[in-house]
Amino acid sequence: MTIQLKCNSILIDLDNTLYDYDTAHLAAINVVSHYLSLELGISSSKIEQTYYNARKEINIELSKTAASHNRMLYFQRMLEQLGKIDVSLCLKIYELYWNTFLNNMPLMNGVNNFFEMVKDLKICIVTNLTAHIQFRKIEKLKINQYINYIVTSEEAGVEKPHPAPFVLALKKLNCTPDEVVMIGENFNDDIVGATNLGIKSFWLNKTSNKKPENDLITEFSDFNELMRHFQ
C-alpha cells in the first residue's frame, strides 16, 4: 500500500508512539520516590502508592483536560496527603521527575529512518498534554527538525479523541481529512479520534488485540514496517 497525499501531510502522536513512555516514567518516579524517602523518612513504596492515588484523583477531577496530566498537581496532592506540603520541595521533585524522564526516553526503533523517509512531507504532532513539557520532549528526542507544527490538548482546550485537536491540526496544515493520515499508538485517542473525522490512520498495535473492521485503519508493529506503506 502506497500512501498518496494531496497535501503531503502526516498527523502523529508523541507519547508511546515515538518513544517508550513507560520506561521514562518508571525511571523518573523511582528517582523521585528514592529522593523523598531519604528527605521525609517515608518508605518509597508508601510514596509511590500516594503518588498514584493522587494522580488518579487529579485525572478524575480534571478529566479530558491537559491539566489532568500536570505532574506539579500530582506532586502537590501527594505531598498534601503525606502531610508534608512544601512549595520548594514540590518544585524540586517536579524538576527531578522531568529531568530524569527526559534522560530516559528511548526512541522507538525505526523512528529516525521513518522521519528521514518522509522529511519532504509536512508533519504535525497531535498530543495530549501541556505544551511546555511536550516541546521539551521533542527537543530532547532530537526530532524537532522534522516537525512543522504541534498541537497539544492544552492549546486545543480538550483532549483526543475529541475532534478539536485534529481539527486544529488540519487548520494549521491547511488540509482536509482526506488529505492527511494519522499515526498513533492509543487506539481510542489517536485512531478512533482521527477516523471519526474520516482520516486514514495507522495504528501502532502493541497489544494482542485485532484491528476492528474499518477500511480507514492499517495496523503496524514498528516504524520499519510502517515505512513500507510510504514507499
Protein backbone atom coordinates (compact mmCIF):
# COMPACT_ATOMS: atom_id res chain seq x y z
CA MET A 1 0.00 0.00 0.00
CA THR A 2 1.46 3.36 -1.02
CA ILE A 3 0.03 6.49 0.56
CA GLN A 4 -0.99 9.22 -1.86
CA LEU A 5 -1.46 12.56 -0.11
CA LYS A 6 -2.80 15.59 -1.92
CA CYS A 7 -1.38 17.80 0.82
CA ASN A 8 1.61 15.62 1.73
CA SER A 9 0.85 15.83 5.45
CA ILE A 10 1.04 13.50 8.45
CA LEU A 11 -0.52 13.78 11.91
CA ILE A 12 1.41 11.80 14.53
CA ASP A 13 1.12 11.16 18.25
CA LEU A 14 4.09 11.62 20.60
CA ASP A 15 3.88 9.66 23.87
CA ASN A 16 4.27 5.88 23.47
CA THR A 17 4.27 6.31 19.69
CA LEU A 18 7.64 7.96 19.05
CA TYR A 19 9.31 6.90 22.31
CA ASP A 20 8.72 4.45 25.17
CA TYR A 21 6.78 6.41 27.80
CA ASP A 22 6.68 3.63 30.40
CA THR A 23 10.47 3.28 30.55
CA ALA A 24 10.89 7.02 31.05
CA HIS A 25 8.14 7.32 33.65
CA LEU A 26 9.32 4.37 35.76
CA ALA A 27 12.86 5.73 35.84
CA ALA A 28 11.57 9.16 36.88
CA ILE A 29 9.17 8.04 39.60
CA ASN A 30 11.80 5.71 41.06
CA VAL A 31 14.26 8.59 41.40
CA VAL A 32 11.61 10.85 42.97
CA SER A 33 10.43 8.22 45.44
CA HIS A 34 14.00 7.43 46.49
CA TYR A 35 14.80 11.11 46.98
CA LEU A 36 11.64 11.74 49.04
CA SER A 37 12.21 8.61 51.09
CA LEU A 38 15.55 10.00 52.23
CA GLU A 39 14.19 13.53 52.74
CA LEU A 40 11.00 12.62 54.58
CA GLY A 41 11.79 9.29 56.21
CA ILE A 42 8.87 7.61 54.44
CA SER A 43 9.19 4.35 52.53
CA SER A 44 9.49 4.51 48.76
CA SER A 45 6.52 2.17 48.40
CA LYS A 46 4.35 4.49 50.53
CA ILE A 47 5.40 7.48 48.46
CA GLU A 48 4.68 5.74 45.16
CA GLN A 49 1.30 4.47 46.37
CA THR A 50 0.35 8.00 47.43
CA TYR A 51 1.57 9.41 44.11
CA TYR A 52 -0.60 7.04 42.09
CA ASN A 53 -3.60 7.74 44.31
CA ALA A 54 -3.07 11.47 43.83
CA ARG A 55 -2.69 11.02 40.07
CA LYS A 56 -5.94 9.06 39.91
CA GLU A 57 -7.81 11.77 41.80
CA ILE A 58 -6.47 14.55 39.57
CA ASN A 59 -7.25 12.52 36.43
CA ILE A 60 -10.86 12.15 37.55
CA GLU A 61 -11.29 15.74 38.73
CA LEU A 62 -9.75 17.28 35.60
CA SER A 63 -10.81 14.62 33.12
CA LYS A 64 -10.38 15.39 29.40
CA THR A 65 -8.14 18.40 30.04
CA ALA A 66 -4.38 18.82 29.61
CA ALA A 67 -4.13 19.82 33.28
CA SER A 68 -5.13 16.27 34.22
CA HIS A 69 -1.56 15.25 33.29
CA ASN A 70 0.23 18.00 35.21
CA ARG A 71 2.87 16.42 37.42
CA MET A 72 3.02 19.52 39.60
CA LEU A 73 -0.61 18.91 40.55
CA TYR A 74 0.13 15.22 41.21
CA PHE A 75 3.08 16.06 43.47
CA GLN A 76 1.20 18.83 45.24
CA ARG A 77 -1.69 16.47 46.03
CA MET A 78 0.73 13.69 47.01
CA LEU A 79 2.62 15.91 49.47
CA GLU A 80 -0.65 17.19 50.91
CA GLN A 81 -1.81 13.62 51.51
CA LEU A 82 1.53 12.82 53.14
CA GLY A 83 1.16 15.89 55.37
CA LYS A 84 4.42 17.29 54.01
CA ILE A 85 3.34 20.13 51.70
CA ASP A 86 6.22 22.46 50.92
CA VAL A 87 6.42 24.66 47.83
CA SER A 88 10.19 24.35 47.43
CA LEU A 89 10.07 20.58 47.81
CA CYS A 90 7.22 20.32 45.30
CA LEU A 91 9.22 22.32 42.76
CA LYS A 92 12.30 20.21 43.46
CA ILE A 93 10.64 16.86 42.81
CA TYR A 94 8.78 18.22 39.78
CA GLU A 95 12.06 19.19 38.14
CA LEU A 96 13.71 15.96 39.32
CA TYR A 97 10.93 13.92 37.75
CA TRP A 98 11.03 15.61 34.36
CA ASN A 99 14.81 15.82 34.12
CA THR A 100 15.04 12.11 34.82
CA PHE A 101 12.18 11.38 32.45
CA LEU A 102 13.79 13.33 29.60
CA ASN A 103 17.06 11.48 30.08
CA ASN A 104 15.36 8.08 29.83
CA MET A 105 13.25 8.34 26.68
CA PRO A 106 14.24 5.57 24.26
CA LEU A 107 13.17 6.49 20.73
CA MET A 108 11.14 3.74 19.10
CA ASN A 109 13.08 1.59 16.68
CA GLY A 110 12.99 3.00 13.16
CA VAL A 111 11.59 6.44 14.02
CA ASN A 112 14.57 8.38 12.66
CA ASN A 113 14.58 6.33 9.47
CA PHE A 114 10.87 6.96 9.04
CA PHE A 115 11.24 10.71 9.52
CA GLU A 116 14.09 10.77 7.04
CA MET A 117 11.90 8.96 4.52
CA VAL A 118 9.01 11.44 4.90
CA LYS A 119 11.06 14.59 5.52
CA ASP A 120 9.56 16.27 2.45
CA LEU A 121 6.06 15.91 3.93
CA LYS A 122 4.51 18.29 6.45
CA ILE A 123 4.40 16.76 9.93
CA CYS A 124 2.13 17.83 12.78
CA ILE A 125 2.39 16.25 16.21
CA VAL A 126 -1.04 15.92 17.86
CA THR A 127 -0.62 15.12 21.53
CA ASN A 128 -2.45 15.10 24.85
CA LEU A 129 -0.56 17.08 27.50
CA THR A 130 0.73 20.56 28.25
CA ALA A 131 2.76 22.37 25.62
CA HIS A 132 5.90 23.13 27.66
CA ILE A 133 6.84 19.55 28.50
CA GLN A 134 5.87 18.22 25.08
CA PHE A 135 8.14 20.79 23.42
CA ARG A 136 10.95 19.70 25.75
CA LYS A 137 10.41 16.06 24.81
CA ILE A 138 10.53 16.83 21.10
CA GLU A 139 13.76 18.76 21.50
CA LYS A 140 15.34 16.05 23.70
CA LEU A 141 14.41 13.35 21.18
CA LYS A 142 16.19 15.44 18.52
CA ILE A 143 13.30 15.22 16.08
CA ASN A 144 12.34 18.91 16.05
CA GLN A 145 13.91 19.40 12.62
CA TYR A 146 11.24 17.10 11.14
CA ILE A 147 8.25 18.76 12.83
CA ASN A 148 6.35 21.58 11.14
CA TYR A 149 3.51 22.02 13.62
CA ILE A 150 2.49 20.89 17.10
CA VAL A 151 -1.00 20.68 18.58
CA THR A 152 -1.32 19.92 22.29
CA SER A 153 -4.54 19.34 24.19
CA GLU A 154 -3.60 22.41 26.22
CA GLU A 155 -3.78 24.51 23.06
CA ALA A 156 -6.90 22.77 21.74
CA GLY A 157 -8.69 23.06 25.09
CA VAL A 158 -9.74 19.39 25.14
CA GLU A 159 -8.08 16.02 24.70
CA LYS A 160 -8.13 13.44 21.96
CA PRO A 161 -10.33 11.67 20.89
CA HIS A 162 -12.35 14.89 20.83
CA PRO A 163 -12.24 16.27 17.29
CA ALA A 164 -10.88 19.67 18.36
CA PRO A 165 -7.14 18.75 18.38
CA PHE A 166 -7.45 17.07 14.98
CA VAL A 167 -9.42 19.96 13.52
CA LEU A 168 -6.82 22.44 14.79
CA ALA A 169 -4.05 20.34 13.21
CA LEU A 170 -5.90 20.30 9.89
CA LYS A 171 -6.30 24.07 10.09
CA LYS A 172 -2.58 24.58 10.68
CA LEU A 173 -1.73 22.27 7.78
CA ASN A 174 -4.44 23.80 5.57
CA CYS A 175 -5.68 20.28 4.80
CA THR A 176 -8.94 18.38 4.73
CA PRO A 177 -9.37 14.98 6.44
CA ASP A 178 -8.84 13.07 3.19
CA GLU A 179 -5.50 14.81 2.61
CA VAL A 180 -3.71 13.55 5.74
CA VAL A 181 -3.04 10.37 7.68
CA MET A 182 -2.83 9.84 11.44
CA ILE A 183 -0.20 7.69 13.16
CA GLY A 184 -0.64 6.70 16.80
CA GLU A 185 -0.48 4.04 19.48
CA ASN A 186 -3.60 4.72 21.54
CA PHE A 187 -6.49 3.14 19.67
CA ASN A 188 -9.23 5.23 21.25
CA ASP A 189 -7.47 8.60 21.46
CA ASP A 190 -5.50 8.51 18.21
CA ILE A 191 -7.21 6.09 15.86
CA VAL A 192 -10.89 6.41 16.79
CA GLY A 193 -10.48 10.17 17.20
CA ALA A 194 -8.99 10.51 13.71
CA THR A 195 -11.18 8.03 11.86
CA ASN A 196 -14.31 9.67 13.28
CA LEU A 197 -13.30 12.60 11.07
CA GLY A 198 -12.62 10.37 8.09
CA ILE A 199 -8.82 10.45 8.45
CA LYS A 200 -6.91 7.36 7.32
CA SER A 201 -4.99 6.06 10.32
CA PHE A 202 -2.03 3.82 11.10
CA TRP A 203 -2.29 2.06 14.46
CA LEU A 204 0.93 1.09 16.24
CA ASN A 205 -0.57 -2.04 17.77
CA LYS A 206 1.43 -3.08 20.82
CA THR A 207 -1.34 -5.39 22.03
CA SER A 208 -2.65 -8.79 21.04
CA ASN A 209 -5.93 -7.18 20.02
CA LYS A 210 -7.01 -7.46 16.42
CA LYS A 211 -7.98 -4.48 14.33
CA PRO A 212 -11.72 -3.79 14.09
CA GLU A 213 -13.10 -3.98 10.57
CA ASN A 214 -12.50 -0.48 9.21
CA ASP A 215 -11.11 0.46 5.83
CA LEU A 216 -9.56 3.59 7.31
CA ILE A 217 -7.29 1.67 9.73
CA THR A 218 -3.99 -0.05 8.98
CA GLU A 219 -2.02 -1.80 11.73
CA PHE A 220 1.75 -1.80 12.03
CA SER A 221 4.10 -3.24 14.64
CA ASP A 222 7.11 -0.90 14.28
CA PHE A 223 8.30 2.01 12.18
CA ASN A 224 10.34 -0.19 9.89
CA GLU A 225 7.10 -1.88 8.88
CA LEU A 226 5.33 1.48 8.63
CA MET A 227 7.89 2.74 6.13
CA ARG A 228 6.75 0.16 3.58
CA HIS A 229 3.41 1.96 3.38
CA PHE A 230 5.09 5.23 2.41
CA GLN A 231 7.40 3.98 -0.33
